[in-house]
Amino acid sequence: MRYFFKLTDGEIYDDNQGVDISDTAAAEREAALIAAEWLRDNPDTFLRDGILKVEILDEQKDLVATIDIAIVRPGGASPA
Protein backbone atom coordinates (compact mmCIF):
# COMPACT_ATOMS: atom_id res chain seq x y z
CA MET A 1 0.00 0.00 0.00
CA ARG A 2 1.20 3.52 -0.73
CA TYR A 3 1.37 6.00 2.15
CA PHE A 4 2.02 9.73 2.02
CA PHE A 5 3.53 11.92 4.73
CA LYS A 6 2.70 15.57 5.35
CA LEU A 7 5.13 17.44 7.59
CA THR A 8 4.19 20.68 9.32
CA ASP A 9 6.71 22.80 11.22
CA GLY A 10 5.01 26.17 10.84
CA GLU A 11 5.10 25.51 7.09
CA ILE A 12 3.49 22.57 5.30
CA TYR A 13 5.48 20.10 3.21
CA ASP A 14 3.33 17.68 1.20
CA ASP A 15 4.64 14.36 -0.01
CA ASN A 16 3.36 13.99 -3.56
CA GLN A 17 5.17 10.73 -4.37
CA GLY A 18 4.40 8.54 -1.38
CA VAL A 19 6.14 5.36 -0.31
CA ASP A 20 5.09 1.73 -0.75
CA ILE A 21 4.90 0.31 2.77
CA SER A 22 3.47 -3.01 3.92
CA ASP A 23 1.04 -1.81 6.60
CA THR A 24 0.00 0.99 8.96
CA ALA A 25 2.48 -0.02 11.67
CA ALA A 26 5.33 0.26 9.17
CA ALA A 27 3.98 3.64 8.01
CA GLU A 28 3.94 4.85 11.63
CA ARG A 29 7.56 3.75 12.02
CA GLU A 30 8.49 5.63 8.82
CA ALA A 31 6.72 8.74 10.14
CA ALA A 32 8.69 8.48 13.40
CA LEU A 33 11.92 8.27 11.40
CA ILE A 34 10.89 11.31 9.33
CA ALA A 35 10.20 13.27 12.54
CA ALA A 36 13.49 12.18 14.14
CA GLU A 37 15.51 13.12 11.05
CA TRP A 38 13.80 16.50 10.79
CA LEU A 39 14.40 17.24 14.48
CA ARG A 40 18.07 16.26 14.14
CA ASP A 41 18.51 18.52 11.11
CA ASN A 42 16.38 21.47 12.31
CA PRO A 43 16.70 21.89 16.09
CA ASP A 44 16.75 25.70 15.95
CA THR A 45 13.56 25.83 13.87
CA PHE A 46 11.86 23.47 16.30
CA LEU A 47 12.99 25.48 19.33
CA ARG A 48 11.73 28.68 17.69
CA ASP A 49 8.37 27.35 16.47
CA GLY A 50 7.85 24.68 19.11
CA ILE A 51 5.85 22.31 16.90
CA LEU A 52 6.32 19.43 14.53
CA LYS A 53 3.54 17.34 13.01
CA VAL A 54 3.84 14.39 10.65
CA GLU A 55 0.54 13.19 9.20
CA ILE A 56 0.26 9.75 7.62
CA LEU A 57 -2.15 9.57 4.68
CA ASP A 58 -3.30 6.47 2.82
CA GLU A 59 -3.61 6.01 -0.96
CA GLN A 60 -6.88 7.98 -0.97
CA LYS A 61 -5.11 10.74 1.02
CA ASP A 62 -7.28 9.97 4.06
CA LEU A 63 -5.63 10.62 7.43
CA VAL A 64 -4.42 7.41 9.07
CA ALA A 65 -2.44 8.74 12.06
CA THR A 66 -0.56 11.81 13.27
CA ILE A 67 2.67 12.28 15.17
CA ASP A 68 2.59 15.56 17.12
CA ILE A 69 5.66 16.86 18.89
CA ALA A 70 5.48 20.15 20.77
CA ILE A 71 7.32 22.17 23.35
CA VAL A 72 4.94 22.94 26.20
CA ARG A 73 6.07 25.85 28.34
CA PRO A 74 4.21 26.52 31.60
CA GLY A 75 2.15 29.67 31.35
CA GLY A 76 3.10 30.09 27.69
CA ALA A 77 6.57 31.29 28.67
CA SER A 78 8.90 32.27 25.84
CA PRO A 79 12.17 30.41 25.37
CA ALA A 80 15.10 31.87 27.27
C-alpha atoms as a PDB file:
ATOM      1  CA  MET A   1       0.000   0.000   0.000  1.00  0.00           C
ATOM      2  CA  ARG A   2       1.205   3.517  -0.733  1.00  0.00           C
ATOM      3  CA  TYR A   3       1.373   5.998   2.148  1.00  0.00           C
ATOM      4  CA  PHE A   4       2.020   9.730   2.020  1.00  0.00           C
ATOM      5  CA  PHE A   5       3.531  11.916   4.729  1.00  0.00           C
ATOM      6  CA  LYS A   6       2.696  15.572   5.348  1.00  0.00           C
ATOM      7  CA  LEU A   7       5.128  17.436   7.594  1.00  0.00           C
ATOM      8  CA  THR A   8       4.187  20.682   9.316  1.00  0.00           C
ATOM      9  CA  ASP A   9       6.710  22.803  11.216  1.00  0.00           C
ATOM     10  CA  GLY A  10       5.008  26.165  10.839  1.00  0.00           C
ATOM     11  CA  GLU A  11       5.104  25.514   7.088  1.00  0.00           C
ATOM     12  CA  ILE A  12       3.493  22.569   5.302  1.00  0.00           C
ATOM     13  CA  TYR A  13       5.480  20.098   3.211  1.00  0.00           C
ATOM     14  CA  ASP A  14       3.327  17.685   1.204  1.00  0.00           C
ATOM     15  CA  ASP A  15       4.639  14.358  -0.010  1.00  0.00           C
ATOM     16  CA  ASN A  16       3.355  13.988  -3.563  1.00  0.00           C
ATOM     17  CA  GLN A  17       5.165  10.731  -4.366  1.00  0.00           C
ATOM     18  CA  GLY A  18       4.398   8.540  -1.375  1.00  0.00           C
ATOM     19  CA  VAL A  19       6.137   5.358  -0.306  1.00  0.00           C
ATOM     20  CA  ASP A  20       5.094   1.731  -0.747  1.00  0.00           C
ATOM     21  CA  ILE A  21       4.900   0.313   2.774  1.00  0.00           C
ATOM     22  CA  SER A  22       3.466  -3.010   3.920  1.00  0.00           C
ATOM     23  CA  ASP A  23       1.045  -1.806   6.604  1.00  0.00           C
ATOM     24  CA  THR A  24       0.000   0.990   8.957  1.00  0.00           C
ATOM     25  CA  ALA A  25       2.476  -0.019  11.669  1.00  0.00           C
ATOM     26  CA  ALA A  26       5.333   0.262   9.174  1.00  0.00           C
ATOM     27  CA  ALA A  27       3.981   3.644   8.011  1.00  0.00           C
ATOM     28  CA  GLU A  28       3.944   4.854  11.626  1.00  0.00           C
ATOM     29  CA  ARG A  29       7.561   3.745  12.021  1.00  0.00           C
ATOM     30  CA  GLU A  30       8.487   5.625   8.823  1.00  0.00           C
ATOM     31  CA  ALA A  31       6.724   8.745  10.139  1.00  0.00           C
ATOM     32  CA  ALA A  32       8.689   8.476  13.398  1.00  0.00           C
ATOM     33  CA  LEU A  33      11.924   8.267  11.401  1.00  0.00           C
ATOM     34  CA  ILE A  34      10.891  11.308   9.332  1.00  0.00           C
ATOM     35  CA  ALA A  35      10.202  13.271  12.540  1.00  0.00           C
ATOM     36  CA  ALA A  36      13.489  12.182  14.140  1.00  0.00           C
ATOM     37  CA  GLU A  37      15.510  13.117  11.052  1.00  0.00           C
ATOM     38  CA  TRP A  38      13.797  16.500  10.787  1.00  0.00           C
ATOM     39  CA  LEU A  39      14.405  17.242  14.483  1.00  0.00           C
ATOM     40  CA  ARG A  40      18.066  16.255  14.138  1.00  0.00           C
ATOM     41  CA  ASP A  41      18.515  18.521  11.114  1.00  0.00           C
ATOM     42  CA  ASN A  42      16.384  21.473  12.310  1.00  0.00           C
ATOM     43  CA  PRO A  43      16.704  21.892  16.090  1.00  0.00           C
ATOM     44  CA  ASP A  44      16.748  25.701  15.948  1.00  0.00           C
ATOM     45  CA  THR A  45      13.559  25.835  13.872  1.00  0.00           C
ATOM     46  CA  PHE A  46      11.860  23.466  16.304  1.00  0.00           C
ATOM     47  CA  LEU A  47      12.993  25.477  19.326  1.00  0.00           C
ATOM     48  CA  ARG A  48      11.734  28.676  17.690  1.00  0.00           C
ATOM     49  CA  ASP A  49       8.367  27.355  16.469  1.00  0.00           C
ATOM     50  CA  GLY A  50       7.850  24.675  19.112  1.00  0.00           C
ATOM     51  CA  ILE A  51       5.846  22.315  16.898  1.00  0.00           C
ATOM     52  CA  LEU A  52       6.316  19.427  14.531  1.00  0.00           C
ATOM     53  CA  LYS A  53       3.543  17.335  13.014  1.00  0.00           C
ATOM     54  CA  VAL A  54       3.841  14.385  10.645  1.00  0.00           C
ATOM     55  CA  GLU A  55       0.540  13.188   9.201  1.00  0.00           C
ATOM     56  CA  ILE A  56       0.257   9.749   7.617  1.00  0.00           C
ATOM     57  CA  LEU A  57      -2.148   9.573   4.684  1.00  0.00           C
ATOM     58  CA  ASP A  58      -3.296   6.470   2.819  1.00  0.00           C
ATOM     59  CA  GLU A  59      -3.610   6.012  -0.957  1.00  0.00           C
ATOM     60  CA  GLN A  60      -6.879   7.976  -0.973  1.00  0.00           C
ATOM     61  CA  LYS A  61      -5.114  10.739   1.015  1.00  0.00           C
ATOM     62  CA  ASP A  62      -7.277   9.967   4.062  1.00  0.00           C
ATOM     63  CA  LEU A  63      -5.632  10.622   7.427  1.00  0.00           C
ATOM     64  CA  VAL A  64      -4.419   7.409   9.073  1.00  0.00           C
ATOM     65  CA  ALA A  65      -2.440   8.742  12.058  1.00  0.00           C
ATOM     66  CA  THR A  66      -0.556  11.805  13.268  1.00  0.00           C
ATOM     67  CA  ILE A  67       2.673  12.276  15.174  1.00  0.00           C
ATOM     68  CA  ASP A  68       2.585  15.558  17.119  1.00  0.00           C
ATOM     69  CA  ILE A  69       5.662  16.863  18.890  1.00  0.00           C
ATOM     70  CA  ALA A  70       5.485  20.146  20.771  1.00  0.00           C
ATOM     71  CA  ILE A  71       7.324  22.170  23.348  1.00  0.00           C
ATOM     72  CA  VAL A  72       4.937  22.937  26.201  1.00  0.00           C
ATOM     73  CA  ARG A  73       6.068  25.850  28.340  1.00  0.00           C
ATOM     74  CA  PRO A  74       4.214  26.519  31.595  1.00  0.00           C
ATOM     75  CA  GLY A  75       2.149  29.666  31.348  1.00  0.00           C
ATOM     76  CA  GLY A  76       3.098  30.086  27.692  1.00  0.00           C
ATOM     77  CA  ALA A  77       6.573  31.285  28.666  1.00  0.00           C
ATOM     78  CA  SER A  78       8.903  32.272  25.835  1.00  0.00           C
ATOM     79  CA  PRO A  79      12.170  30.415  25.367  1.00  0.00           C
ATOM     80  CA  ALA A  80      15.104  31.873  27.266  1.00  0.00           C
END
